[in-house]
N, C-alpha and C. Protein backbone atom coordinates (compact mmCIF):
# COMPACT_ATOMS: atom_id res chain seq x y z
N GLU A 1 40.12 72.61 9.49
CA GLU A 1 39.25 72.93 8.34
C GLU A 1 37.86 73.21 8.91
N SER A 2 37.39 72.43 9.93
CA SER A 2 36.08 72.56 10.57
C SER A 2 35.78 74.00 11.07
N ALA A 3 36.88 74.50 11.80
CA ALA A 3 36.87 75.80 12.47
C ALA A 3 36.68 76.91 11.33
N LEU A 4 37.38 76.77 10.15
CA LEU A 4 37.36 77.79 9.07
C LEU A 4 35.91 77.78 8.41
N GLU A 5 35.21 76.61 8.49
CA GLU A 5 33.96 76.34 7.90
C GLU A 5 32.75 76.72 8.93
N SER A 6 32.90 76.37 10.03
CA SER A 6 31.83 76.53 11.05
C SER A 6 31.67 78.00 11.65
N LEU A 7 32.90 78.62 11.91
CA LEU A 7 32.91 79.85 12.67
C LEU A 7 32.72 81.13 11.77
N PRO A 8 33.11 81.21 10.50
CA PRO A 8 32.90 82.52 9.68
C PRO A 8 31.42 83.00 9.56
N PRO A 9 30.40 81.84 9.49
CA PRO A 9 29.15 82.37 9.32
C PRO A 9 28.49 83.34 10.38
N TYR A 10 29.06 83.19 11.62
CA TYR A 10 28.78 84.01 12.69
C TYR A 10 28.99 85.60 12.40
N THR A 11 29.91 85.81 11.44
CA THR A 11 30.32 87.18 11.17
C THR A 11 29.58 87.83 9.99
N ILE A 12 28.60 87.18 9.56
CA ILE A 12 27.92 87.68 8.23
C ILE A 12 27.44 89.10 8.31
N ASN A 13 27.07 89.62 9.39
CA ASN A 13 26.57 90.93 9.61
C ASN A 13 27.56 92.00 10.12
N TRP A 14 28.81 91.43 10.34
CA TRP A 14 29.91 92.27 10.88
C TRP A 14 30.47 93.14 9.77
N ARG A 15 31.14 94.25 10.18
CA ARG A 15 31.86 95.00 9.18
C ARG A 15 33.12 94.26 8.81
N ASP A 16 33.53 94.69 7.60
CA ASP A 16 34.65 93.79 6.95
C ASP A 16 35.96 93.76 7.83
N THR A 17 36.26 94.99 8.35
CA THR A 17 37.53 94.94 9.11
C THR A 17 37.46 94.02 10.37
N THR A 18 36.37 93.95 11.01
CA THR A 18 36.18 93.18 12.11
C THR A 18 36.25 91.65 11.70
N ARG A 19 35.44 91.44 10.59
CA ARG A 19 35.39 89.98 10.17
C ARG A 19 36.83 89.48 9.75
N GLU A 20 37.60 90.43 9.18
CA GLU A 20 39.00 90.04 8.80
C GLU A 20 39.89 89.65 9.99
N LEU A 21 39.75 90.44 11.04
CA LEU A 21 40.52 90.17 12.22
C LEU A 21 40.06 88.90 12.84
N TYR A 22 38.71 88.62 12.89
CA TYR A 22 38.16 87.44 13.43
C TYR A 22 38.71 86.16 12.70
N MET A 23 38.89 86.35 11.40
CA MET A 23 39.39 85.16 10.61
C MET A 23 40.76 84.97 10.92
N PHE A 24 41.59 85.96 11.21
CA PHE A 24 42.94 85.90 11.57
C PHE A 24 42.96 85.11 12.91
N HIS A 25 42.04 85.48 13.72
CA HIS A 25 42.07 84.79 15.11
C HIS A 25 41.72 83.39 15.02
N ILE A 26 40.82 82.99 14.03
CA ILE A 26 40.53 81.63 13.84
C ILE A 26 41.74 80.79 13.53
N VAL A 27 42.45 81.30 12.53
CA VAL A 27 43.84 80.59 12.25
C VAL A 27 44.76 80.54 13.34
N LEU A 28 44.90 81.58 14.24
CA LEU A 28 45.76 81.59 15.41
C LEU A 28 45.16 80.54 16.45
N PHE A 29 43.72 80.42 16.67
CA PHE A 29 43.27 79.63 17.36
C PHE A 29 43.62 78.06 17.07
N MET A 30 43.48 77.81 15.77
CA MET A 30 43.86 76.50 15.23
C MET A 30 45.27 76.15 15.51
N MET A 31 46.16 77.11 15.29
CA MET A 31 47.61 76.87 15.69
C MET A 31 47.79 76.62 17.19
N ARG A 32 47.03 77.32 18.13
CA ARG A 32 47.29 77.17 19.44
C ARG A 32 46.78 75.76 19.81
N LYS A 33 45.70 75.22 19.29
CA LYS A 33 45.10 73.99 19.49
C LYS A 33 46.00 72.79 19.08
N ILE A 34 46.79 73.01 17.91
CA ILE A 34 47.82 72.06 17.48
C ILE A 34 48.91 72.04 18.57
N GLU A 35 49.34 73.28 18.92
CA GLU A 35 50.50 73.26 19.93
C GLU A 35 50.12 72.66 21.20
N GLN A 36 48.86 72.85 21.70
CA GLN A 36 48.31 72.26 22.89
C GLN A 36 48.23 70.63 22.83
N PHE A 37 47.71 70.16 21.66
CA PHE A 37 47.88 68.70 21.53
C PHE A 37 49.30 68.16 21.47
N TYR A 38 50.12 68.92 20.87
CA TYR A 38 51.49 68.42 20.77
C TYR A 38 52.06 68.34 22.16
N GLN A 39 51.82 69.49 23.01
CA GLN A 39 52.35 69.36 24.39
C GLN A 39 51.75 68.34 25.16
N GLU A 40 50.56 67.99 24.95
CA GLU A 40 49.89 67.01 25.84
C GLU A 40 50.26 65.51 25.41
N THR A 41 50.69 65.38 24.11
CA THR A 41 51.09 64.02 23.73
C THR A 41 52.46 63.74 23.53
N LYS A 42 53.39 64.68 23.70
CA LYS A 42 54.82 64.42 23.31
C LYS A 42 55.53 63.46 24.24
N SER A 43 54.91 63.08 25.30
CA SER A 43 55.46 61.99 26.18
C SER A 43 54.79 60.72 25.85
N SER A 44 53.93 60.69 24.90
CA SER A 44 53.18 59.34 24.54
C SER A 44 54.23 58.46 23.65
N TYR A 45 53.96 57.15 23.65
CA TYR A 45 54.95 56.27 22.92
C TYR A 45 54.57 56.46 21.51
N LEU A 46 53.41 57.27 21.09
CA LEU A 46 53.13 57.57 19.70
C LEU A 46 53.71 59.00 19.36
N SER A 47 54.56 59.51 20.26
CA SER A 47 54.84 60.90 20.07
C SER A 47 55.44 61.33 18.72
N TYR A 48 56.20 60.39 18.23
CA TYR A 48 56.78 60.62 16.79
C TYR A 48 55.73 60.86 15.85
N TYR A 49 54.77 60.04 15.86
CA TYR A 49 53.61 60.15 14.84
C TYR A 49 52.81 61.50 15.11
N HIS A 50 52.61 61.72 16.38
CA HIS A 50 51.91 62.99 16.86
C HIS A 50 52.51 64.16 16.27
N GLU A 51 53.95 64.18 16.54
CA GLU A 51 54.82 65.42 16.24
C GLU A 51 54.71 65.58 14.76
N ASN A 52 54.91 64.40 13.96
CA ASN A 52 54.88 64.63 12.43
C ASN A 52 53.55 65.25 12.08
N GLY A 53 52.42 64.63 12.62
CA GLY A 53 51.07 65.25 12.22
C GLY A 53 50.80 66.60 12.66
N CYS A 54 51.36 66.98 13.79
CA CYS A 54 51.21 68.30 14.22
C CYS A 54 52.02 69.28 13.41
N LYS A 55 53.20 68.84 12.89
CA LYS A 55 54.12 69.72 12.03
C LYS A 55 53.32 69.92 10.72
N ILE A 56 52.78 68.97 10.13
CA ILE A 56 52.00 68.98 8.92
C ILE A 56 50.85 69.90 8.93
N ALA A 57 49.99 69.70 10.13
CA ALA A 57 48.92 70.54 10.34
C ALA A 57 49.21 71.99 10.61
N ALA A 58 50.39 72.23 11.40
CA ALA A 58 50.88 73.60 11.58
C ALA A 58 51.25 74.26 10.34
N LYS A 59 51.95 73.53 9.41
CA LYS A 59 52.41 74.13 8.30
C LYS A 59 51.24 74.49 7.40
N ASN A 60 50.18 73.67 7.37
CA ASN A 60 48.99 74.07 6.63
C ASN A 60 48.27 75.34 7.13
N CYS A 61 48.35 75.38 8.40
CA CYS A 61 47.74 76.62 9.14
C CYS A 61 48.62 77.81 8.74
N GLU A 62 49.83 77.75 8.72
CA GLU A 62 50.79 78.92 8.37
C GLU A 62 50.54 79.38 6.83
N GLU A 63 50.37 78.41 6.07
CA GLU A 63 50.03 78.73 4.62
C GLU A 63 48.74 79.39 4.53
N LYS A 64 47.68 78.91 5.22
CA LYS A 64 46.35 79.54 5.25
C LYS A 64 46.40 81.03 5.75
N LEU A 65 47.24 81.27 6.85
CA LEU A 65 47.43 82.54 7.42
C LEU A 65 48.11 83.54 6.34
N VAL A 66 49.18 82.95 5.75
CA VAL A 66 49.88 83.78 4.67
C VAL A 66 48.82 84.23 3.52
N ALA A 67 48.11 83.24 3.06
CA ALA A 67 47.18 83.51 2.07
C ALA A 67 46.11 84.45 2.39
N PHE A 68 45.79 84.33 3.68
CA PHE A 68 44.58 85.20 4.11
C PHE A 68 45.21 86.63 4.21
N VAL A 69 46.43 86.83 4.92
CA VAL A 69 46.91 88.14 5.19
C VAL A 69 47.31 88.76 3.75
N GLU A 70 47.66 87.99 2.82
CA GLU A 70 48.04 88.54 1.52
C GLU A 70 46.71 89.15 0.75
N ARG A 71 45.60 88.48 1.16
CA ARG A 71 44.36 88.82 0.48
C ARG A 71 43.60 90.09 1.00
N ILE A 72 43.85 90.41 2.28
CA ILE A 72 43.19 91.55 2.86
C ILE A 72 43.94 92.79 2.87
N ASP A 73 43.34 93.86 3.09
CA ASP A 73 43.90 95.19 3.33
C ASP A 73 44.23 95.25 4.79
N ILE A 74 45.36 94.83 5.18
CA ILE A 74 45.77 94.65 6.49
C ILE A 74 45.94 96.00 7.19
N HIS A 75 46.32 97.07 6.51
CA HIS A 75 46.42 98.35 7.02
C HIS A 75 45.03 99.04 7.40
N ARG A 76 44.19 98.79 6.39
CA ARG A 76 42.84 99.32 6.63
C ARG A 76 42.25 98.69 7.85
N SER A 77 42.40 97.34 8.02
CA SER A 77 41.88 96.64 9.12
C SER A 77 42.63 97.16 10.47
N PHE A 78 43.94 97.23 10.40
CA PHE A 78 44.67 97.87 11.60
C PHE A 78 44.25 99.23 12.05
N GLU A 79 43.95 100.11 11.11
CA GLU A 79 43.47 101.48 11.40
C GLU A 79 42.19 101.41 11.94
N ALA A 80 41.30 100.44 11.64
CA ALA A 80 39.84 100.31 12.02
C ALA A 80 39.81 99.67 13.32
N GLU A 81 40.84 98.66 13.57
CA GLU A 81 40.62 97.99 14.87
C GLU A 81 42.03 97.91 15.56
N THR A 82 42.57 99.14 15.72
CA THR A 82 43.91 99.24 16.26
C THR A 82 44.24 98.66 17.54
N LYS A 83 43.36 98.66 18.58
CA LYS A 83 43.53 98.29 19.86
C LYS A 83 43.58 96.68 19.89
N ILE A 84 42.68 96.17 19.00
CA ILE A 84 42.57 94.71 18.97
C ILE A 84 43.77 94.18 18.20
N TRP A 85 44.21 94.82 17.20
CA TRP A 85 45.32 94.39 16.47
C TRP A 85 46.56 94.42 17.32
N LEU A 86 46.79 95.44 18.08
CA LEU A 86 47.95 95.62 18.98
C LEU A 86 47.90 94.54 20.02
N ALA A 87 46.72 94.22 20.58
CA ALA A 87 46.71 93.02 21.50
C ALA A 87 46.93 91.77 20.88
N THR A 88 46.39 91.61 19.61
CA THR A 88 46.74 90.36 18.84
C THR A 88 48.27 90.05 18.62
N MET A 89 48.90 91.25 18.26
CA MET A 89 50.36 91.04 18.01
C MET A 89 51.04 90.88 19.24
N LYS A 90 50.54 91.33 20.40
CA LYS A 90 51.21 91.05 21.63
C LYS A 90 51.00 89.60 22.00
N MET A 91 49.86 89.03 21.70
CA MET A 91 49.63 87.61 22.01
C MET A 91 50.63 86.79 21.16
N VAL A 92 50.61 87.23 19.80
CA VAL A 92 51.57 86.35 18.91
C VAL A 92 52.99 86.44 19.34
N GLY A 93 53.44 87.67 19.89
CA GLY A 93 54.69 87.76 20.45
C GLY A 93 54.91 87.00 21.61
N GLU A 94 54.00 86.73 22.46
CA GLU A 94 54.14 85.85 23.73
C GLU A 94 54.34 84.56 23.30
N SER A 95 53.87 84.01 22.12
CA SER A 95 54.07 82.75 21.62
C SER A 95 55.39 82.63 20.93
N ALA A 96 55.72 83.62 20.16
CA ALA A 96 56.89 83.63 19.17
C ALA A 96 58.17 83.83 20.05
N LEU A 97 58.25 84.62 21.07
CA LEU A 97 59.48 85.12 21.51
C LEU A 97 59.97 84.36 22.73
N GLN A 98 59.41 83.23 23.05
CA GLN A 98 59.85 82.42 24.26
C GLN A 98 60.90 81.44 23.93
N GLY A 99 61.12 81.06 22.61
CA GLY A 99 62.01 80.27 22.05
C GLY A 99 61.61 78.80 22.41
N LYS A 100 60.39 78.48 22.72
CA LYS A 100 59.88 77.20 23.10
C LYS A 100 59.81 76.28 22.04
N ASP A 101 59.83 74.86 22.41
CA ASP A 101 59.61 73.84 21.31
C ASP A 101 58.20 73.81 20.91
N SER A 102 57.90 73.81 19.60
CA SER A 102 56.53 73.91 19.11
C SER A 102 56.62 73.49 17.67
N PRO A 103 55.46 72.76 17.29
CA PRO A 103 55.32 72.41 15.86
C PRO A 103 54.91 73.68 15.06
N VAL A 104 54.40 74.72 15.63
CA VAL A 104 54.09 75.95 14.89
C VAL A 104 55.27 76.81 15.03
N ASP A 105 55.51 77.42 13.77
CA ASP A 105 56.67 78.26 13.58
C ASP A 105 56.08 79.69 14.07
N TRP A 106 55.92 79.95 15.26
CA TRP A 106 55.47 81.30 15.67
C TRP A 106 56.30 82.56 15.33
N LEU A 107 57.61 82.29 15.24
CA LEU A 107 58.57 83.28 14.87
C LEU A 107 58.25 83.73 13.47
N PHE A 108 57.86 82.72 12.64
CA PHE A 108 57.53 83.13 11.24
C PHE A 108 56.29 83.91 11.27
N VAL A 109 55.34 83.52 11.92
CA VAL A 109 54.07 84.17 12.12
C VAL A 109 54.17 85.56 12.58
N TYR A 110 54.93 85.72 13.56
CA TYR A 110 55.39 87.08 14.15
C TYR A 110 56.01 88.01 13.06
N ARG A 111 56.98 87.42 12.37
CA ARG A 111 57.79 88.24 11.56
C ARG A 111 56.93 88.56 10.27
N PHE A 112 56.28 87.59 9.76
CA PHE A 112 55.49 87.90 8.45
C PHE A 112 54.51 88.84 8.73
N THR A 113 53.75 88.73 9.89
CA THR A 113 52.63 89.70 10.07
C THR A 113 53.17 91.09 10.30
N TRP A 114 54.14 91.16 11.18
CA TRP A 114 54.71 92.53 11.33
C TRP A 114 55.30 93.16 10.00
N TRP A 115 55.82 92.29 9.19
CA TRP A 115 56.38 92.89 7.88
C TRP A 115 55.17 93.52 6.99
N LYS A 116 54.01 92.86 7.21
CA LYS A 116 52.81 93.44 6.43
C LYS A 116 52.24 94.61 7.03
N LEU A 117 52.81 95.04 8.27
CA LEU A 117 52.25 96.17 8.95
C LEU A 117 53.44 97.31 8.87
N THR A 118 54.06 97.49 7.64
CA THR A 118 55.04 98.32 7.48
C THR A 118 54.66 99.78 7.65
N ASP A 119 53.40 100.09 7.37
CA ASP A 119 52.90 101.48 7.52
C ASP A 119 52.43 101.84 8.84
N GLN A 120 52.74 101.16 9.84
CA GLN A 120 52.39 101.44 11.25
C GLN A 120 53.68 101.87 12.14
N PRO A 121 54.28 102.88 11.85
CA PRO A 121 55.53 103.09 12.47
C PRO A 121 55.45 103.14 14.02
N SER A 122 54.33 103.78 14.52
CA SER A 122 54.14 103.99 15.93
C SER A 122 54.11 102.61 16.69
N ALA A 123 53.34 101.48 16.09
CA ALA A 123 53.25 100.26 16.57
C ALA A 123 54.62 99.61 16.49
N GLN A 124 55.33 99.81 15.38
CA GLN A 124 56.64 99.21 15.36
C GLN A 124 57.59 99.75 16.48
N LYS A 125 57.62 101.13 16.68
CA LYS A 125 58.43 101.56 17.50
C LYS A 125 58.13 100.95 19.03
N GLU A 126 56.80 100.87 19.41
CA GLU A 126 56.54 100.25 20.62
C GLU A 126 57.06 98.89 20.76
N GLU A 127 56.86 98.07 19.58
CA GLU A 127 57.38 96.77 19.63
C GLU A 127 58.91 96.59 19.79
N VAL A 128 59.59 97.49 19.05
CA VAL A 128 61.13 97.56 19.03
C VAL A 128 61.65 97.72 20.52
N ALA A 129 60.91 98.80 21.19
CA ALA A 129 61.19 99.16 22.60
C ALA A 129 61.13 97.98 23.47
N ARG A 130 59.92 97.10 23.18
CA ARG A 130 59.70 96.01 24.02
C ARG A 130 60.82 94.96 23.84
N LEU A 131 61.33 94.75 22.54
CA LEU A 131 62.24 93.67 22.30
C LEU A 131 63.57 94.12 22.81
N ASP A 132 63.90 95.42 22.83
CA ASP A 132 65.12 95.96 23.39
C ASP A 132 65.15 95.68 24.85
N GLY A 133 63.98 95.92 25.54
CA GLY A 133 63.97 95.61 26.93
C GLY A 133 64.12 94.21 27.38
N LEU A 134 63.55 93.35 26.44
CA LEU A 134 63.68 91.87 26.76
C LEU A 134 65.15 91.42 26.60
N LEU A 135 65.87 92.08 25.50
CA LEU A 135 67.28 91.69 25.16
C LEU A 135 68.17 92.17 26.25
N ALA A 136 67.76 93.23 26.93
CA ALA A 136 68.67 93.76 28.00
C ALA A 136 68.72 92.92 29.32
N LYS A 137 67.73 92.14 29.41
CA LYS A 137 67.79 91.16 30.59
C LYS A 137 68.95 90.31 30.68
N LYS A 138 69.39 90.00 31.86
CA LYS A 138 70.55 89.21 31.98
C LYS A 138 70.13 87.67 32.10
N GLU A 139 71.06 86.76 31.80
CA GLU A 139 70.87 85.45 32.00
C GLU A 139 69.76 84.85 31.10
N LEU A 140 69.70 85.32 29.86
CA LEU A 140 68.61 84.72 29.04
C LEU A 140 69.15 83.34 28.43
N LEU A 141 68.35 82.40 28.37
CA LEU A 141 68.63 81.15 27.85
C LEU A 141 68.88 81.33 26.39
N PRO A 142 69.95 80.63 25.86
CA PRO A 142 70.57 80.80 24.45
C PRO A 142 69.40 80.69 23.39
N LYS A 143 68.45 79.90 23.65
CA LYS A 143 67.42 79.63 22.56
C LYS A 143 66.44 80.85 22.56
N LYS A 144 66.15 81.39 23.79
CA LYS A 144 65.23 82.65 23.88
C LYS A 144 66.04 83.76 23.36
N LYS A 145 67.27 83.99 23.64
CA LYS A 145 68.10 85.05 23.10
C LYS A 145 68.14 85.08 21.73
N ASP A 146 68.39 83.88 21.13
CA ASP A 146 68.45 83.77 19.63
C ASP A 146 67.10 84.26 18.95
N THR A 147 66.02 83.85 19.66
CA THR A 147 64.72 84.26 19.13
C THR A 147 64.46 85.72 19.19
N LEU A 148 64.87 86.28 20.30
CA LEU A 148 64.72 87.79 20.49
C LEU A 148 65.62 88.56 19.43
N LEU A 149 66.79 87.99 19.20
CA LEU A 149 67.78 88.69 18.29
C LEU A 149 67.17 88.64 16.81
N ALA A 150 66.53 87.32 16.42
CA ALA A 150 66.07 87.24 15.16
C ALA A 150 64.79 88.25 15.06
N ALA A 151 64.00 88.31 16.10
CA ALA A 151 62.88 89.30 16.02
C ALA A 151 63.24 90.72 15.87
N ARG A 152 64.34 91.05 16.62
CA ARG A 152 64.76 92.41 16.69
C ARG A 152 65.39 92.79 15.28
N ALA A 153 66.23 91.86 14.73
CA ALA A 153 66.78 92.11 13.49
C ALA A 153 65.72 92.35 12.39
N HIS A 154 64.73 91.63 12.54
CA HIS A 154 63.55 91.73 11.57
C HIS A 154 63.13 93.09 11.40
N PHE A 155 63.05 93.82 12.59
CA PHE A 155 62.58 95.30 12.45
C PHE A 155 63.76 96.17 11.75
N ASP A 156 65.03 95.67 11.92
CA ASP A 156 66.06 96.42 11.27
C ASP A 156 65.84 96.31 9.76
N ILE A 157 65.56 95.10 9.33
CA ILE A 157 65.31 94.78 8.01
C ILE A 157 64.07 95.56 7.42
N MET A 158 63.03 95.57 8.10
CA MET A 158 61.85 96.14 7.65
C MET A 158 62.23 97.77 7.50
N GLN A 159 63.01 98.28 8.23
CA GLN A 159 63.41 99.79 8.28
C GLN A 159 64.57 99.94 7.34
N GLY A 160 65.08 99.02 6.61
CA GLY A 160 66.19 99.19 5.75
C GLY A 160 67.43 99.24 6.26
N HIS A 161 67.61 98.71 7.55
CA HIS A 161 68.96 98.79 8.15
C HIS A 161 69.63 97.33 8.16
N THR A 162 69.94 97.01 6.94
CA THR A 162 70.34 95.56 6.59
C THR A 162 71.76 95.30 7.50
N GLU A 163 72.61 96.21 7.53
CA GLU A 163 73.90 95.92 8.15
C GLU A 163 73.62 95.66 9.65
N GLN A 164 72.80 96.40 10.27
CA GLN A 164 72.44 96.26 11.71
C GLN A 164 71.87 94.89 11.96
N ALA A 165 71.01 94.46 10.95
CA ALA A 165 70.31 93.18 11.10
C ALA A 165 71.39 92.02 11.03
N PHE A 166 72.36 92.26 10.05
CA PHE A 166 73.34 91.32 9.95
C PHE A 166 74.15 91.20 11.22
N GLU A 167 74.38 92.33 11.77
CA GLU A 167 75.12 92.32 13.01
C GLU A 167 74.59 91.55 14.09
N ARG A 168 73.16 91.87 14.26
CA ARG A 168 72.47 91.10 15.28
C ARG A 168 72.40 89.45 15.01
N LEU A 169 72.14 89.27 13.82
CA LEU A 169 71.99 87.76 13.39
C LEU A 169 73.45 87.17 13.63
N GLY A 170 74.47 87.90 13.49
CA GLY A 170 75.73 87.35 13.72
C GLY A 170 75.92 87.03 15.18
N GLN A 171 75.08 87.42 16.00
CA GLN A 171 75.23 87.04 17.46
C GLN A 171 74.58 85.85 17.82
N LEU A 172 73.79 85.20 16.83
CA LEU A 172 72.96 84.01 17.10
C LEU A 172 73.91 82.91 17.58
N ALA A 173 73.61 82.28 18.69
CA ALA A 173 74.35 81.09 19.16
C ALA A 173 74.06 79.90 18.31
N HIS A 174 72.94 79.72 17.80
CA HIS A 174 72.66 78.54 16.95
C HIS A 174 71.87 78.86 15.78
N PRO A 175 72.45 79.68 14.84
CA PRO A 175 71.76 80.13 13.50
C PRO A 175 71.18 78.87 12.80
N HIS A 176 69.99 79.12 12.32
CA HIS A 176 69.23 78.13 11.46
C HIS A 176 68.97 78.68 10.07
N ALA A 177 69.02 77.85 9.08
CA ALA A 177 68.69 78.34 7.70
C ALA A 177 67.27 78.96 7.60
N LYS A 178 66.41 78.32 8.33
CA LYS A 178 65.01 78.86 8.25
C LYS A 178 64.88 80.27 8.80
N ASP A 179 65.83 80.69 9.60
CA ASP A 179 65.79 82.12 10.03
C ASP A 179 65.84 83.05 8.84
N PHE A 180 66.42 82.53 7.70
CA PHE A 180 66.63 83.43 6.52
C PHE A 180 65.79 83.25 5.44
N PHE A 181 64.95 82.01 5.39
CA PHE A 181 64.15 81.79 4.26
C PHE A 181 63.05 82.83 4.01
N LEU A 182 62.55 83.44 5.18
CA LEU A 182 61.58 84.44 4.99
C LEU A 182 62.03 85.58 3.97
N TYR A 183 63.20 85.88 4.21
CA TYR A 183 63.72 87.04 3.43
C TYR A 183 64.12 86.59 1.98
N LEU A 184 64.74 85.49 1.82
CA LEU A 184 65.05 85.00 0.45
C LEU A 184 63.61 84.82 -0.30
N ASN A 185 62.69 84.18 0.26
CA ASN A 185 61.40 84.02 -0.39
C ASN A 185 60.82 85.28 -0.84
N THR A 186 60.74 86.35 0.16
CA THR A 186 60.12 87.59 -0.03
C THR A 186 60.90 88.30 -1.17
N PHE A 187 62.14 88.42 -1.14
CA PHE A 187 62.90 89.17 -2.23
C PHE A 187 62.80 88.56 -3.44
N ALA A 188 62.73 87.23 -3.49
CA ALA A 188 62.58 86.46 -4.82
C ALA A 188 61.27 86.79 -5.46
N ASN A 189 60.15 86.66 -4.51
CA ASN A 189 58.75 86.85 -5.14
C ASN A 189 58.70 88.37 -5.48
N ASP A 190 59.37 89.34 -4.89
CA ASP A 190 59.15 90.65 -5.20
C ASP A 190 60.10 91.12 -6.33
N GLY A 191 61.01 90.24 -6.78
CA GLY A 191 61.97 90.52 -7.78
C GLY A 191 63.09 91.45 -7.20
N GLN A 192 63.35 91.52 -5.84
CA GLN A 192 64.42 92.36 -5.45
C GLN A 192 65.65 91.47 -5.33
N TRP A 193 66.19 91.42 -6.57
CA TRP A 193 67.42 90.55 -6.81
C TRP A 193 68.65 91.09 -6.05
N ASP A 194 68.77 92.46 -6.02
CA ASP A 194 69.97 92.98 -5.35
C ASP A 194 69.92 92.56 -3.96
N GLN A 195 68.85 92.71 -3.29
CA GLN A 195 68.65 92.42 -1.90
C GLN A 195 68.92 90.94 -1.65
N MET A 196 68.38 90.01 -2.56
CA MET A 196 68.51 88.64 -2.52
C MET A 196 70.10 88.23 -2.49
N LEU A 197 70.89 88.90 -3.49
CA LEU A 197 72.28 88.58 -3.59
C LEU A 197 72.98 89.07 -2.25
N ILE A 198 72.52 90.14 -1.59
CA ILE A 198 73.14 90.55 -0.34
C ILE A 198 72.98 89.38 0.75
N TRP A 199 71.75 88.77 0.73
CA TRP A 199 71.52 87.81 1.76
C TRP A 199 72.19 86.43 1.40
N LEU A 200 72.56 86.17 0.15
CA LEU A 200 73.10 84.93 -0.36
C LEU A 200 74.74 84.96 -0.18
N ARG A 201 75.26 86.12 0.10
CA ARG A 201 76.70 86.27 0.27
C ARG A 201 77.04 85.65 1.61
């Protein structure tokens, strides 16, 4: 909370799109600090309490990020700050696509933000090519491969290729219900009941 209160005043004279991207980075910074604390304390005898606290704090950050992204015109911000947004999404991808143990659901952050960038086909195409390249590598650890498959399937969903998405998700070694909650929640909130029924079958 202190970062969200103390850092924004520095942007008072910045243009809106730069300020919006800066706010996005503040929340990412908070998530990374939570993850850092988790990594540094998970071998402690108090690790159970630290882990629970980190998960609660991370969930709170995720909710703040969702509320913030929903509030801004992300496409206008992307068009004005394209290079920085691309670098930002690459950074988010580096955290999300490793399949590492973390209290932060980086894959959710990655998929949610990319879904909001539906009007950026060039950036999507570049990211899809990157994912395909990573998936083509041999001897991927199962958890990392699952993460990459879920990320790649997300772009199929964004582009309306639901069957291809199901085919990729069917390759998951260890599917988790949370991999699908994003879609169920989005379709429910948008009143896309036909799509929701497809996912519930």
